C-alpha cells in the first residue's frame, strides 16, 4: 500500500481505502494492449442539474488543440448545460486578426469583434462534434 492511513484520522482513512487498496480518485481506462491511461480526477467531475457527470479536462484539452485557445475553463456544476470560459492565446489571436484585417484598440475590444467571436464559436462547435449530447458546450464567454 502507499501508506497506512491519515494521522489520527480513522474516519478519513476508512474512506480512502477499500480493503488494502488506496482509492486515489483517479479515473482512467485500459486500452486494447492492456495499458492504463489516467484521464481525469473523480473530484473534478461536473454534475449537471440533470444528474449527468461530465469530465472537464478532456473537453478543455480538445479546445486547447486550437492555437487560438489559451486557457479554457469548462463549467456547469448543477446547471442545465455545460459552458466554457476561454481566455484566448492572444499572440495567436492577434496574428490571426491581423491576417483577417481585424483591428482593435485593445484586447477587450478584439474579443468583442463579431468575427473573433465567430472564430471561437467554430472552435467550440468542432469540439462539440466529438462529445456526447449532455457534454456539449452550449455557451461561450471570452475573457481577456
Protein backbone atom coordinates (compact mmCIF):
# COMPACT_ATOMS: atom_id res chain seq x y z
CA UNK A 1 0.00 0.00 0.00
CA UNK A 2 1.02 3.61 -0.46
CA UNK A 3 0.59 4.49 3.23
CA UNK A 4 -1.10 3.18 6.37
CA UNK A 5 -3.58 5.98 6.83
CA UNK A 6 -4.15 9.55 7.85
CA UNK A 7 -2.53 10.59 11.13
CA UNK A 8 -5.07 10.36 13.95
CA UNK A 9 -7.98 10.43 11.49
CA UNK A 10 -9.54 6.96 11.25
CA UNK A 11 -12.71 8.25 9.51
CA UNK A 12 -10.79 9.68 6.54
CA UNK A 13 -8.54 6.63 6.47
CA UNK A 14 -11.61 4.37 6.21
CA UNK A 15 -12.99 6.48 3.33
CA UNK A 16 -9.67 6.38 1.48
CA UNK A 17 -9.28 2.61 1.46
CA UNK A 18 -11.22 -0.33 0.11
CA UNK A 19 -9.68 -3.26 1.93
CA UNK A 20 -5.95 -2.89 1.32
CA UNK A 21 -6.48 -0.75 -1.80
CA UNK A 22 -5.98 3.01 -1.65
CA UNK A 23 -8.68 4.88 -3.60
CA UNK A 24 -6.74 7.59 -5.42
CA UNK A 25 -9.74 9.27 -7.04
CA UNK A 26 -8.19 8.85 -10.47
CA UNK A 27 -10.36 7.94 -13.45
CA UNK A 28 -8.86 6.00 -16.31
CA UNK A 29 -9.27 3.32 -18.90
CA UNK A 30 -7.36 0.30 -20.08
CA UNK A 31 -6.64 0.19 -23.81
CA UNK A 32 -6.65 -2.85 -26.10
CA UNK A 33 -2.96 -3.50 -25.28
CA UNK A 34 -3.65 -3.50 -21.54
CA UNK A 35 -2.13 -0.10 -20.80
CA UNK A 36 -3.76 2.14 -18.21
CA UNK A 37 -4.33 5.80 -19.07
CA UNK A 38 -5.32 8.24 -16.33
CA UNK A 39 -7.87 10.58 -17.88
CA UNK A 40 -9.38 12.54 -15.01
CA UNK A 41 -9.89 13.00 -11.28
CA UNK A 42 -13.18 11.95 -9.71
CA UNK A 43 -13.29 15.12 -7.60
CA UNK A 44 -13.06 17.25 -10.76
CA UNK A 45 -16.23 15.84 -12.34
CA UNK A 46 -19.06 18.27 -13.02
CA UNK A 47 -22.55 17.08 -12.08
CA UNK A 48 -25.22 18.79 -14.16
CA UNK A 49 -28.67 19.60 -12.80
CA UNK A 50 -29.88 16.64 -14.87
CA UNK A 51 -27.64 14.30 -12.87
CA UNK A 52 -25.10 13.63 -15.63
CA UNK A 53 -21.40 13.63 -14.81
CA UNK A 54 -19.05 15.48 -17.16
CA UNK A 55 -15.25 15.32 -17.08
CA UNK A 56 -14.00 18.84 -17.90
CA UNK A 57 -10.33 18.07 -18.64
CA UNK A 58 -10.84 16.10 -21.86
CA UNK A 59 -13.12 18.85 -23.17
CA UNK A 60 -10.62 21.55 -22.20
CA UNK A 61 -7.85 19.56 -23.87
CA UNK A 62 -9.87 19.33 -27.10
CA UNK A 63 -10.33 23.10 -27.05
CA UNK A 64 -6.62 23.69 -26.42
CA UNK A 65 -5.83 21.91 -29.68
CA UNK A 66 -6.76 25.18 -31.36
CA UNK A 67 -3.90 27.69 -31.41
CA UNK A 68 -6.44 30.42 -30.64
CA UNK A 69 -7.28 28.94 -27.23
CA UNK A 70 -5.09 29.84 -24.28
CA UNK A 71 -6.91 28.77 -21.13
CA UNK A 72 -10.38 27.19 -21.29
CA UNK A 73 -12.45 26.51 -18.18
CA UNK A 74 -15.45 24.21 -18.56
CA UNK A 75 -18.23 24.93 -16.06
CA UNK A 76 -21.68 23.54 -15.41
CA UNK A 77 -21.96 22.19 -11.88
CA UNK A 78 -25.68 21.97 -11.03
CA UNK A 79 -26.58 23.90 -14.18
CA UNK A 80 -28.82 22.81 -17.04
CA UNK A 81 -25.96 22.90 -19.54
CA UNK A 82 -22.19 22.98 -19.89
CA UNK A 83 -20.46 26.26 -20.74
CA UNK A 84 -16.90 27.35 -21.35
CA UNK A 85 -14.94 30.44 -20.43
CA UNK A 86 -11.96 30.96 -22.73
CA UNK A 87 -9.00 33.24 -22.24
CA UNK A 88 -7.55 33.46 -25.75
CA UNK A 89 -3.97 32.78 -26.72
CA UNK A 90 -3.51 36.45 -27.52
CA UNK A 91 -0.32 36.24 -29.61
CA UNK A 92 -2.02 33.71 -31.91
CA UNK A 93 -5.32 35.62 -31.90
CA UNK A 94 -3.63 38.94 -32.68
CA UNK A 95 -1.74 37.37 -35.58
CA UNK A 96 -4.93 35.73 -36.90
CA UNK A 97 -6.83 39.01 -36.52
CA UNK A 98 -4.16 40.92 -38.46
CA UNK A 99 -4.34 38.32 -41.25
CA UNK A 100 -8.12 38.80 -41.33
CA UNK A 101 -7.83 42.59 -41.42
CA UNK A 102 -9.33 42.94 -37.96
CA UNK A 103 -8.01 45.88 -36.00
CA UNK A 104 -8.86 46.60 -32.38
CA UNK A 105 -7.74 49.22 -29.88
CA UNK A 106 -7.42 46.69 -27.05
CA UNK A 107 -7.65 43.00 -26.27
CA UNK A 108 -11.07 43.62 -24.74
CA UNK A 109 -12.22 45.21 -28.00
CA UNK A 110 -10.68 42.39 -30.03
CA UNK A 111 -12.62 39.64 -28.23
CA UNK A 112 -15.86 41.58 -28.76
CA UNK A 113 -15.41 41.68 -32.55
CA UNK A 114 -18.11 39.51 -34.17
CA UNK A 115 -15.54 37.83 -36.47
CA UNK A 116 -13.43 36.83 -33.48
CA UNK A 117 -16.47 35.52 -31.61
CA UNK A 118 -17.42 33.54 -34.71
CA UNK A 119 -13.92 32.01 -34.88
CA UNK A 120 -14.18 30.84 -31.27
CA UNK A 121 -17.72 29.56 -31.81
CA UNK A 122 -16.26 27.39 -34.59
CA UNK A 123 -13.59 26.06 -32.21
CA UNK A 124 -16.35 25.14 -29.75
CA UNK A 125 -18.53 23.61 -32.49
CA UNK A 126 -15.61 21.47 -33.66
CA UNK A 127 -15.01 20.22 -30.10
CA UNK A 128 -18.73 19.54 -29.65
CA UNK A 129 -18.74 17.13 -32.61
CA UNK A 130 -16.74 14.65 -30.53
CA UNK A 131 -18.84 14.96 -27.36
CA UNK A 132 -21.95 13.24 -26.06
CA UNK A 133 -25.07 15.44 -26.17
CA UNK A 134 -25.05 16.11 -22.41
CA UNK A 135 -21.37 17.16 -22.59
CA UNK A 136 -21.72 19.65 -25.43
CA UNK A 137 -20.81 23.25 -24.74
CA UNK A 138 -23.89 25.43 -25.06
CA UNK A 139 -22.46 28.81 -24.09
CA UNK A 140 -19.12 30.54 -24.67
CA UNK A 141 -17.63 33.50 -22.86
CA UNK A 142 -14.37 35.11 -23.98
CA UNK A 143 -12.37 36.93 -21.32
CA UNK A 144 -9.11 38.89 -21.66
